[in-house]
């Protein structure tokens, strides 16, 4: 008898991809100049690469969610980070005067 056994997808990079996205987003939200680009590289590029690797390994649902978070979520967090940086800059400039 010839039975086909379904191979389970490799889930070894699911958790590191989420951790990479969250760490990148936290770096983006720091009100320090030029950390936004570093966080964007970590979350946007690194998260997208790991999401694509997860898609190739067969983890389709989670891989698509990670890819959407890496592309759309990183831009949303980046704009929030810009607002936080702008507010902190205004606060510092108001204390100087």
PDB file of N, CA and C in Angstrom:
ATOM      1  N   UNK A   1       0.833  -1.170   0.000  1.00  0.00           N
ATOM      2  CA  UNK A   1       0.000   0.000   0.000  1.00  0.00           C
ATOM      3  C   UNK A   1       0.883   1.241   0.000  1.00  0.00           C
ATOM      4  N   UNK A   2       0.454   2.202  -0.755  1.00  0.00           N
ATOM      5  CA  UNK A   2       1.208   3.432  -0.889  1.00  0.00           C
ATOM      6  C   UNK A   2       0.428   4.559  -0.223  1.00  0.00           C
ATOM      7  N   UNK A   3       0.848   4.912   0.979  1.00  0.00           N
ATOM      8  CA  UNK A   3       0.171   5.969   1.717  1.00  0.00           C
ATOM      9  C   UNK A   3       1.007   7.233   1.676  1.00  0.00           C
ATOM     10  N   UNK A   4       0.344   8.330   1.446  1.00  0.00           N
ATOM     11  CA  UNK A   4       1.027   9.619   1.445  1.00  0.00           C
ATOM     12  C   UNK A   4       0.860  10.256   2.815  1.00  0.00           C
ATOM     13  N   UNK A   5       1.973  10.570   3.420  1.00  0.00           N
ATOM     14  CA  UNK A   5       1.954  11.196   4.730  1.00  0.00           C
ATOM     15  C   UNK A   5       2.233  12.689   4.542  1.00  0.00           C
ATOM     16  N   UNK A   6       1.353  13.516   5.070  1.00  0.00           N
ATOM     17  CA  UNK A   6       1.529  14.964   4.960  1.00  0.00           C
ATOM     18  C   UNK A   6       2.665  15.398   5.877  1.00  0.00           C
ATOM     19  N   UNK A   7       3.584  16.146   5.291  1.00  0.00           N
ATOM     20  CA  UNK A   7       4.720  16.638   6.054  1.00  0.00           C
ATOM     21  C   UNK A   7       4.325  17.906   6.797  1.00  0.00           C
ATOM     22  N   UNK A   8       4.632  17.961   8.081  1.00  0.00           N
ATOM     23  CA  UNK A   8       4.303  19.136   8.886  1.00  0.00           C
ATOM     24  C   UNK A   8       5.215  20.291   8.489  1.00  0.00           C
ATOM     25  N   UNK A   9       4.670  21.506   8.416  1.00  0.00           N
ATOM     26  CA  UNK A   9       5.513  22.651   8.060  1.00  0.00           C
ATOM     27  C   UNK A   9       6.530  22.959   9.150  1.00  0.00           C
ATOM     28  N   UNK A  10       7.643  23.510   8.737  1.00  0.00           N
ATOM     29  CA  UNK A  10       8.716  23.857   9.675  1.00  0.00           C
ATOM     30  C   UNK A  10       8.371  25.179  10.354  1.00  0.00           C
ATOM     31  N   UNK A  11       8.093  25.126  11.646  1.00  0.00           N
ATOM     32  CA  UNK A  11       7.657  26.296  12.408  1.00  0.00           C
ATOM     33  C   UNK A  11       8.791  26.924  13.216  1.00  0.00           C
ATOM     34  N   UNK A  12      10.039  26.605  12.889  1.00  0.00           N
ATOM     35  CA  UNK A  12      11.154  27.036  13.728  1.00  0.00           C
ATOM     36  C   UNK A  12      11.447  28.530  13.644  1.00  0.00           C
ATOM     37  N   UNK A  13      11.008  29.227  12.595  1.00  0.00           N
ATOM     38  CA  UNK A  13      11.292  30.659  12.469  1.00  0.00           C
ATOM     39  C   UNK A  13      10.071  31.541  12.705  1.00  0.00           C
ATOM     40  N   UNK A  14       8.997  30.983  13.212  1.00  0.00           N
ATOM     41  CA  UNK A  14       7.798  31.784  13.463  1.00  0.00           C
ATOM     42  C   UNK A  14       8.023  32.726  14.636  1.00  0.00           C
ATOM     43  N   UNK A  15       8.478  32.198  15.749  1.00  0.00           N
ATOM     44  CA  UNK A  15       8.700  33.027  16.937  1.00  0.00           C
ATOM     45  C   UNK A  15       9.822  34.052  16.730  1.00  0.00           C
ATOM     46  N   UNK A  16      10.972  33.686  16.132  1.00  0.00           N
ATOM     47  CA  UNK A  16      11.995  34.712  15.887  1.00  0.00           C
ATOM     48  C   UNK A  16      11.529  35.835  14.965  1.00  0.00           C
ATOM     49  N   UNK A  17      10.644  35.537  14.024  1.00  0.00           N
ATOM     50  CA  UNK A  17      10.135  36.592  13.140  1.00  0.00           C
ATOM     51  C   UNK A  17       9.289  37.588  13.922  1.00  0.00           C
ATOM     52  N   UNK A  18       8.427  37.085  14.815  1.00  0.00           N
ATOM     53  CA  UNK A  18       7.623  37.999  15.635  1.00  0.00           C
ATOM     54  C   UNK A  18       8.507  38.810  16.570  1.00  0.00           C
ATOM     55  N   UNK A  19       9.511  38.172  17.156  1.00  0.00           N
ATOM     56  CA  UNK A  19      10.428  38.884  18.051  1.00  0.00           C
ATOM     57  C   UNK A  19      11.170  39.971  17.292  1.00  0.00           C
ATOM     58  N   UNK A  20      11.604  39.679  16.069  1.00  0.00           N
ATOM     59  CA  UNK A  20      12.308  40.658  15.245  1.00  0.00           C
ATOM     60  C   UNK A  20      11.400  41.849  14.928  1.00  0.00           C
ATOM     61  N   UNK A  21      10.147  41.576  14.600  1.00  0.00           N
ATOM     62  CA  UNK A  21       9.207  42.665  14.328  1.00  0.00           C
ATOM     63  C   UNK A  21       8.997  43.543  15.560  1.00  0.00           C
ATOM     64  N   UNK A  22       8.792  42.936  16.698  1.00  0.00           N
ATOM     65  CA  UNK A  22       8.518  43.704  17.918  1.00  0.00           C
ATOM     66  C   UNK A  22       9.738  44.506  18.344  1.00  0.00           C
ATOM     67  N   UNK A  23      10.926  43.912  18.275  1.00  0.00           N
ATOM     68  CA  UNK A  23      12.154  44.641  18.633  1.00  0.00           C
ATOM     69  C   UNK A  23      12.364  45.824  17.691  1.00  0.00           C
ATOM     70  N   UNK A  24      12.131  45.614  16.405  1.00  0.00           N
ATOM     71  CA  UNK A  24      12.264  46.709  15.444  1.00  0.00           C
ATOM     72  C   UNK A  24      11.266  47.817  15.713  1.00  0.00           C
ATOM     73  N   UNK A  25      10.027  47.446  16.056  1.00  0.00           N
ATOM     74  CA  UNK A  25       9.017  48.459  16.357  1.00  0.00           C
ATOM     75  C   UNK A  25       9.366  49.244  17.617  1.00  0.00           C
ATOM     76  N   UNK A  26       9.906  48.577  18.621  1.00  0.00           N
ATOM     77  CA  UNK A  26      10.310  49.284  19.846  1.00  0.00           C
ATOM     78  C   UNK A  26      11.441  50.260  19.530  1.00  0.00           C
ATOM     79  N   UNK A  27      12.376  49.856  18.695  1.00  0.00           N
ATOM     80  CA  UNK A  27      13.470  50.748  18.310  1.00  0.00           C
ATOM     81  C   UNK A  27      12.927  51.948  17.530  1.00  0.00           C
ATOM     82  N   UNK A  28      11.934  51.724  16.675  1.00  0.00           N
ATOM     83  CA  UNK A  28      11.325  52.832  15.935  1.00  0.00           C
ATOM     84  C   UNK A  28      10.674  53.831  16.889  1.00  0.00           C
ATOM     85  N   UNK A  29      10.068  53.347  17.960  1.00  0.00           N
ATOM     86  CA  UNK A  29       9.343  54.224  18.879  1.00  0.00           C
ATOM     87  C   UNK A  29      10.242  54.995  19.834  1.00  0.00           C
ATOM     88  N   UNK A  30      11.526  54.709  19.864  1.00  0.00           N
ATOM     89  CA  UNK A  30      12.441  55.463  20.721  1.00  0.00           C
ATOM     90  C   UNK A  30      12.581  56.886  20.199  1.00  0.00           C
ATOM     91  N   UNK A  31      12.428  57.886  21.057  1.00  0.00           N
ATOM     92  CA  UNK A  31      12.552  59.268  20.580  1.00  0.00           C
ATOM     93  C   UNK A  31      14.006  59.732  20.494  1.00  0.00           C
ATOM     94  N   UNK A  32      14.814  58.964  19.816  1.00  0.00           N
ATOM     95  CA  UNK A  32      16.229  59.274  19.626  1.00  0.00           C
ATOM     96  C   UNK A  32      16.448  59.444  18.124  1.00  0.00           C
ATOM     97  N   UNK A  33      17.169  60.498  17.710  1.00  0.00           N
ATOM     98  CA  UNK A  33      17.377  60.700  16.277  1.00  0.00           C
ATOM     99  C   UNK A  33      18.053  59.507  15.608  1.00  0.00           C
ATOM    100  N   UNK A  34      17.606  59.188  14.417  1.00  0.00           N
ATOM    101  CA  UNK A  34      18.157  58.166  13.527  1.00  0.00           C
ATOM    102  C   UNK A  34      17.943  56.726  13.986  1.00  0.00           C
ATOM    103  N   UNK A  35      17.188  56.504  15.049  1.00  0.00           N
ATOM    104  CA  UNK A  35      16.879  55.121  15.416  1.00  0.00           C
ATOM    105  C   UNK A  35      15.702  54.581  14.621  1.00  0.00           C
ATOM    106  N   UNK A  36      14.922  55.478  14.030  1.00  0.00           N
ATOM    107  CA  UNK A  36      13.789  55.038  13.222  1.00  0.00           C
ATOM    108  C   UNK A  36      14.222  54.216  12.020  1.00  0.00           C
ATOM    109  N   UNK A  37      15.291  54.637  11.378  1.00  0.00           N
ATOM    110  CA  UNK A  37      15.780  53.897  10.207  1.00  0.00           C
ATOM    111  C   UNK A  37      16.338  52.545  10.596  1.00  0.00           C
ATOM    112  N   UNK A  38      17.011  52.489  11.731  1.00  0.00           N
ATOM    113  CA  UNK A  38      17.527  51.202  12.208  1.00  0.00           C
ATOM    114  C   UNK A  38      16.375  50.249  12.519  1.00  0.00           C
ATOM    115  N   UNK A  39      15.361  50.758  13.200  1.00  0.00           N
ATOM    116  CA  UNK A  39      14.190  49.934  13.494  1.00  0.00           C
ATOM    117  C   UNK A  39      13.450  49.521  12.240  1.00  0.00           C
ATOM    118  N   UNK A  40      13.393  50.420  11.237  1.00  0.00           N
ATOM    119  CA  UNK A  40      12.742  50.090   9.979  1.00  0.00           C
ATOM    120  C   UNK A  40      13.495  48.973   9.259  1.00  0.00           C
ATOM    121  N   UNK A  41      14.816  49.026   9.293  1.00  0.00           N
ATOM    122  CA  UNK A  41      15.599  47.949   8.674  1.00  0.00           C
ATOM    123  C   UNK A  41      15.381  46.622   9.388  1.00  0.00           C
ATOM    124  N   UNK A  42      15.339  46.669  10.713  1.00  0.00           N
ATOM    125  CA  UNK A  42      15.161  45.433  11.473  1.00  0.00           C
ATOM    126  C   UNK A  42      13.755  44.875  11.281  1.00  0.00           C
ATOM    127  N   UNK A  43      12.733  45.714  11.484  1.00  0.00           N
ATOM    128  CA  UNK A  43      11.356  45.225  11.421  1.00  0.00           C
ATOM    129  C   UNK A  43      10.877  45.056   9.982  1.00  0.00           C
ATOM    130  N   UNK A  44      11.109  46.062   9.159  1.00  0.00           N
ATOM    131  CA  UNK A  44      10.591  46.014   7.799  1.00  0.00           C
ATOM    132  C   UNK A  44      11.303  45.017   6.921  1.00  0.00           C
ATOM    133  N   UNK A  45      12.602  45.132   6.852  1.00  0.00           N
ATOM    134  CA  UNK A  45      13.364  44.265   5.952  1.00  0.00           C
ATOM    135  C   UNK A  45      13.563  42.876   6.575  1.00  0.00           C
ATOM    136  N   UNK A  46      14.061  42.837   7.808  1.00  0.00           N
ATOM    137  CA  UNK A  46      14.307  41.546   8.454  1.00  0.00           C
ATOM    138  C   UNK A  46      13.027  40.753   8.681  1.00  0.00           C
ATOM    139  N   UNK A  47      11.978  41.453   9.114  1.00  0.00           N
ATOM    140  CA  UNK A  47      10.701  40.777   9.321  1.00  0.00           C
ATOM    141  C   UNK A  47      10.106  40.251   8.028  1.00  0.00           C
ATOM    142  N   UNK A  48      10.245  41.027   6.942  1.00  0.00           N
ATOM    143  CA  UNK A  48       9.726  40.574   5.644  1.00  0.00           C
ATOM    144  C   UNK A  48      10.502  39.370   5.130  1.00  0.00           C
ATOM    145  N   UNK A  49      11.810  39.377   5.319  1.00  0.00           N
ATOM    146  CA  UNK A  49      12.626  38.239   4.863  1.00  0.00           C
ATOM    147  C   UNK A  49      12.240  36.973   5.620  1.00  0.00           C
ATOM    148  N   UNK A  50      12.118  37.074   6.943  1.00  0.00           N
ATOM    149  CA  UNK A  50      11.730  35.893   7.723  1.00  0.00           C
ATOM    150  C   UNK A  50      10.298  35.464   7.410  1.00  0.00           C
ATOM    151  N   UNK A  51       9.411  36.409   7.111  1.00  0.00           N
ATOM    152  CA  UNK A  51       8.045  36.046   6.735  1.00  0.00           C
ATOM    153  C   UNK A  51       8.036  35.288   5.408  1.00  0.00           C
ATOM    154  N   UNK A  52       8.854  35.711   4.455  1.00  0.00           N
ATOM    155  CA  UNK A  52       8.933  35.009   3.177  1.00  0.00           C
ATOM    156  C   UNK A  52       9.530  33.619   3.364  1.00  0.00           C
ATOM    157  N   UNK A  53      10.514  33.502   4.243  1.00  0.00           N
ATOM    158  CA  UNK A  53      11.086  32.184   4.536  1.00  0.00           C
ATOM    159  C   UNK A  53      10.022  31.284   5.151  1.00  0.00           C
ATOM    160  N   UNK A  54       9.202  31.832   6.050  1.00  0.00           N
ATOM    161  CA  UNK A  54       8.117  31.043   6.636  1.00  0.00           C
ATOM    162  C   UNK A  54       7.102  30.623   5.577  1.00  0.00           C
ATOM    163  N   UNK A  55       6.816  31.512   4.631  1.00  0.00           N
ATOM    164  CA  UNK A  55       5.897  31.147   3.547  1.00  0.00           C
ATOM    165  C   UNK A  55       6.460  30.003   2.717  1.00  0.00           C
ATOM    166  N   UNK A  56       7.752  30.056   2.432  1.00  0.00           N
ATOM    167  CA  UNK A  56       8.377  29.000   1.633  1.00  0.00           C
ATOM    168  C   UNK A  56       8.373  27.676   2.394  1.00  0.00           C
ATOM    169  N   UNK A  57       8.511  27.735   3.705  1.00  0.00           N
ATOM    170  CA  UNK A  57       8.538  26.518   4.517  1.00  0.00           C
ATOM    171  C   UNK A  57       7.154  25.930   4.745  1.00  0.00           C
ATOM    172  N   UNK A  58       6.103  26.603   4.289  1.00  0.00           N
ATOM    173  CA  UNK A  58       4.768  26.042   4.389  1.00  0.00           C
ATOM    174  C   UNK A  58       3.896  26.610   5.483  1.00  0.00           C
ATOM    175  N   UNK A  59       4.366  27.592   6.206  1.00  0.00           N
ATOM    176  CA  UNK A  59       3.569  28.219   7.258  1.00  0.00           C
ATOM    177  C   UNK A  59       2.858  29.412   6.619  1.00  0.00           C
ATOM    178  N   UNK A  60       1.767  29.126   5.914  1.00  0.00           N
ATOM    179  CA  UNK A  60       1.165  30.138   5.042  1.00  0.00           C
ATOM    180  C   UNK A  60       0.415  31.209   5.820  1.00  0.00           C
ATOM    181  N   UNK A  61      -0.471  30.841   6.707  1.00  0.00           N
ATOM    182  CA  UNK A  61      -1.290  31.825   7.414  1.00  0.00           C
ATOM    183  C   UNK A  61      -0.467  32.772   8.261  1.00  0.00           C
ATOM    184  N   UNK A  62       0.423  32.219   9.051  1.00  0.00           N
ATOM    185  CA  UNK A  62       1.274  33.040   9.905  1.00  0.00           C
ATOM    186  C   UNK A  62       2.258  33.841   9.060  1.00  0.00           C
ATOM    187  N   UNK A  63       2.762  33.249   7.984  1.00  0.00           N
ATOM    188  CA  UNK A  63       3.705  33.953   7.107  1.00  0.00           C
ATOM    189  C   UNK A  63       3.074  35.163   6.450  1.00  0.00           C
ATOM    190  N   UNK A  64       1.812  35.038   6.018  1.00  0.00           N
ATOM    191  CA  UNK A  64       1.120  36.181   5.416  1.00  0.00           C
ATOM    192  C   UNK A  64       0.882  37.265   6.465  1.00  0.00           C
ATOM    193  N   UNK A  65       0.492  36.871   7.669  1.00  0.00           N
ATOM    194  CA  UNK A  65       0.286  37.848   8.741  1.00  0.00           C
ATOM    195  C   UNK A  65       1.579  38.575   9.075  1.00  0.00           C
ATOM    196  N   UNK A  66       2.690  37.852   9.128  1.00  0.00           N
ATOM    197  CA  UNK A  66       3.975  38.483   9.405  1.00  0.00           C
ATOM    198  C   UNK A  66       4.397  39.411   8.280  1.00  0.00           C
ATOM    199  N   UNK A  67       4.127  39.025   7.038  1.00  0.00           N
ATOM    200  CA  UNK A  67       4.492  39.867   5.904  1.00  0.00           C
ATOM    201  C   UNK A  67       3.673  41.155   5.893  1.00  0.00           C
ATOM    202  N   UNK A  68       2.395  41.056   6.193  1.00  0.00           N
ATOM    203  CA  UNK A  68       1.557  42.257   6.266  1.00  0.00           C
ATOM    204  C   UNK A  68       2.007  43.153   7.413  1.00  0.00           C
ATOM    205  N   UNK A  69       2.328  42.561   8.542  1.00  0.00           N
ATOM    206  CA  UNK A  69       2.823  43.355   9.678  1.00  0.00           C
ATOM    207  C   UNK A  69       4.165  44.001   9.357  1.00  0.00           C
ATOM    208  N   UNK A  70       5.027  43.280   8.642  1.00  0.00           N
ATOM    209  CA  UNK A  70       6.334  43.828   8.303  1.00  0.00           C
ATOM    210  C   UNK A  70       6.217  44.995   7.330  1.00  0.00           C
ATOM    211  N   UNK A  71       5.254  44.931   6.423  1.00  0.00           N
ATOM    212  CA  UNK A  71       5.134  45.993   5.417  1.00  0.00           C
ATOM    213  C   UNK A  71       4.231  47.120   5.909  1.00  0.00           C
ATOM    214  N   UNK A  72       3.003  46.796   6.258  1.00  0.00           N
ATOM    215  CA  UNK A  72       2.035  47.827   6.635  1.00  0.00           C
ATOM    216  C   UNK A  72       2.240  48.272   8.090  1.00  0.00           C
ATOM    217  N   UNK A  73       2.408  47.311   8.974  1.00  0.00           N
ATOM    218  CA  UNK A  73       2.557  47.633  10.396  1.00  0.00           C
ATOM    219  C   UNK A  73       3.776  48.469  10.699  1.00  0.00           C
ATOM    220  N   UNK A  74       4.878  48.210   9.989  1.00  0.00           N
ATOM    221  CA  UNK A  74       6.093  48.974  10.232  1.00  0.00           C
ATOM    222  C   UNK A  74       5.916  50.427   9.816  1.00  0.00           C
ATOM    223  N   UNK A  75       5.201  50.660   8.722  1.00  0.00           N
ATOM    224  CA  UNK A  75       4.958  52.049   8.318  1.00  0.00           C
ATOM    225  C   UNK A  75       4.065  52.763   9.315  1.00  0.00           C
ATOM    226  N   UNK A  76       3.068  52.086   9.860  1.00  0.00           N
ATOM    227  CA  UNK A  76       2.185  52.695  10.857  1.00  0.00           C
ATOM    228  C   UNK A  76       2.974  53.020  12.122  1.00  0.00           C
ATOM    229  N   UNK A  77       3.783  52.084  12.574  1.00  0.00           N
ATOM    230  CA  UNK A  77       4.596  52.309  13.769  1.00  0.00           C
ATOM    231  C   UNK A  77       5.619  53.413  13.508  1.00  0.00           C
ATOM    232  N   UNK A  78       6.137  53.495  12.287  1.00  0.00           N
ATOM    233  CA  UNK A  78       7.109  54.541  11.949  1.00  0.00           C
ATOM    234  C   UNK A  78       6.464  55.926  12.068  1.00  0.00           C
ATOM    235  N   UNK A  79       5.216  56.088  11.591  1.00  0.00           N
ATOM    236  CA  UNK A  79       4.536  57.370  11.706  1.00  0.00           C
ATOM    237  C   UNK A  79       4.236  57.698  13.172  1.00  0.00           C
ATOM    238  N   UNK A  80       3.879  56.690  13.952  1.00  0.00           N
ATOM    239  CA  UNK A  80       3.667  56.916  15.385  1.00  0.00           C
ATOM    240  C   UNK A  80       4.978  57.344  16.043  1.00  0.00           C
ATOM    241  N   UNK A  81       6.083  56.701  15.650  1.00  0.00           N
ATOM    242  CA  UNK A  81       7.394  57.083  16.177  1.00  0.00           C
ATOM    243  C   UNK A  81       7.765  58.506  15.812  1.00  0.00           C
ATOM    244  N   UNK A  82       7.429  58.926  14.588  1.00  0.00           N
ATOM    245  CA  UNK A  82       7.677  60.322  14.199  1.00  0.00           C
ATOM    246  C   UNK A  82       6.863  61.285  15.064  1.00  0.00           C
ATOM    247  N   UNK A  83       5.633  60.927  15.368  1.00  0.00           N
ATOM    248  CA  UNK A  83       4.805  61.775  16.225  1.00  0.00           C
ATOM    249  C   UNK A  83       5.381  61.859  17.636  1.00  0.00           C
ATOM    250  N   UNK A  84       5.862  60.734  18.155  1.00  0.00           N
ATOM    251  CA  UNK A  84       6.476  60.737  19.489  1.00  0.00           C
ATOM    252  C   UNK A  84       7.744  61.582  19.486  1.00  0.00           C
ATOM    253  N   UNK A  85       8.561  61.435  18.444  1.00  0.00           N
ATOM    254  CA  UNK A  85       9.790  62.227  18.354  1.00  0.00           C
ATOM    255  C   UNK A  85       9.470  63.711  18.237  1.00  0.00           C
ATOM    256  N   UNK A  86       8.470  64.052  17.423  1.00  0.00           N
ATOM    257  CA  UNK A  86       8.086  65.453  17.274  1.00  0.00           C
ATOM    258  C   UNK A  86       7.563  66.032  18.577  1.00  0.00           C
ATOM    259  N   UNK A  87       6.760  65.265  19.299  1.00  0.00           N
ATOM    260  CA  UNK A  87       6.236  65.741  20.578  1.00  0.00           C
ATOM    261  C   UNK A  87       7.348  65.924  21.600  1.00  0.00           C
ATOM    262  N   UNK A  88       8.304  65.013  21.620  1.00  0.00           N
ATOM    263  CA  UNK A  88       9.412  65.163  22.570  1.00  0.00           C
ATOM    264  C   UNK A  88      10.305  66.330  22.174  1.00  0.00           C
ATOM    265  N   UNK A  89      10.465  66.570  20.875  1.00  0.00           N
ATOM    266  CA  UNK A  89      11.258  67.710  20.427  1.00  0.00           C
ATOM    267  C   UNK A  89      10.581  69.022  20.781  1.00  0.00           C
ATOM    268  N   UNK A  90       9.266  69.096  20.621  1.00  0.00           N
ATOM    269  CA  UNK A  90       8.524  70.292  21.011  1.00  0.00           C
ATOM    270  C   UNK A  90       8.624  70.506  22.513  1.00  0.00           C
ATOM    271  N   UNK A  91       8.539  69.436  23.279  1.00  0.00           N
ATOM    272  CA  UNK A  91       8.661  69.553  24.727  1.00  0.00           C
ATOM    273  C   UNK A  91      10.026  70.062  25.151  1.00  0.00           C
ATOM    274  N   UNK A  92      11.065  69.596  24.490  1.00  0.00           N
ATOM    275  CA  UNK A  92      12.415  70.063  24.820  1.00  0.00           C
ATOM    276  C   UNK A  92      12.581  71.512  24.418  1.00  0.00           C
ATOM    277  N   UNK A  93      12.079  71.891  23.259  1.00  0.00           N
ATOM    278  CA  UNK A  93      12.204  73.276  22.809  1.00  0.00           C
ATOM    279  C   UNK A  93      11.396  74.223  23.679  1.00  0.00           C
ATOM    280  N   UNK A  94      10.278  73.780  24.232  1.00  0.00           N
ATOM    281  CA  UNK A  94       9.490  74.622  25.121  1.00  0.00           C
ATOM    282  C   UNK A  94      10.180  74.817  26.462  1.00  0.00           C
ATOM    283  N   UNK A  95      10.932  73.847  26.928  1.00  0.00           N
ATOM    284  CA  UNK A  95      11.631  74.009  28.202  1.00  0.00           C
ATOM    285  C   UNK A  95      12.857  74.899  28.058  1.00  0.00           C
ATOM    286  N   UNK A  96      13.410  74.993  26.861  1.00  0.00           N
ATOM    287  CA  UNK A  96      14.593  75.825  26.636  1.00  0.00           C
ATOM    288  C   UNK A  96      14.196  77.299  26.687  1.00  0.00           C
ATOM    289  N   UNK A  97      13.039  77.625  26.141  1.00  0.00           N
ATOM    290  CA  UNK A  97      12.624  79.048  26.111  1.00  0.00           C
ATOM    291  C   UNK A  97      12.035  79.457  27.391  1.00  0.00           C
TER     292      UNK A  97
END
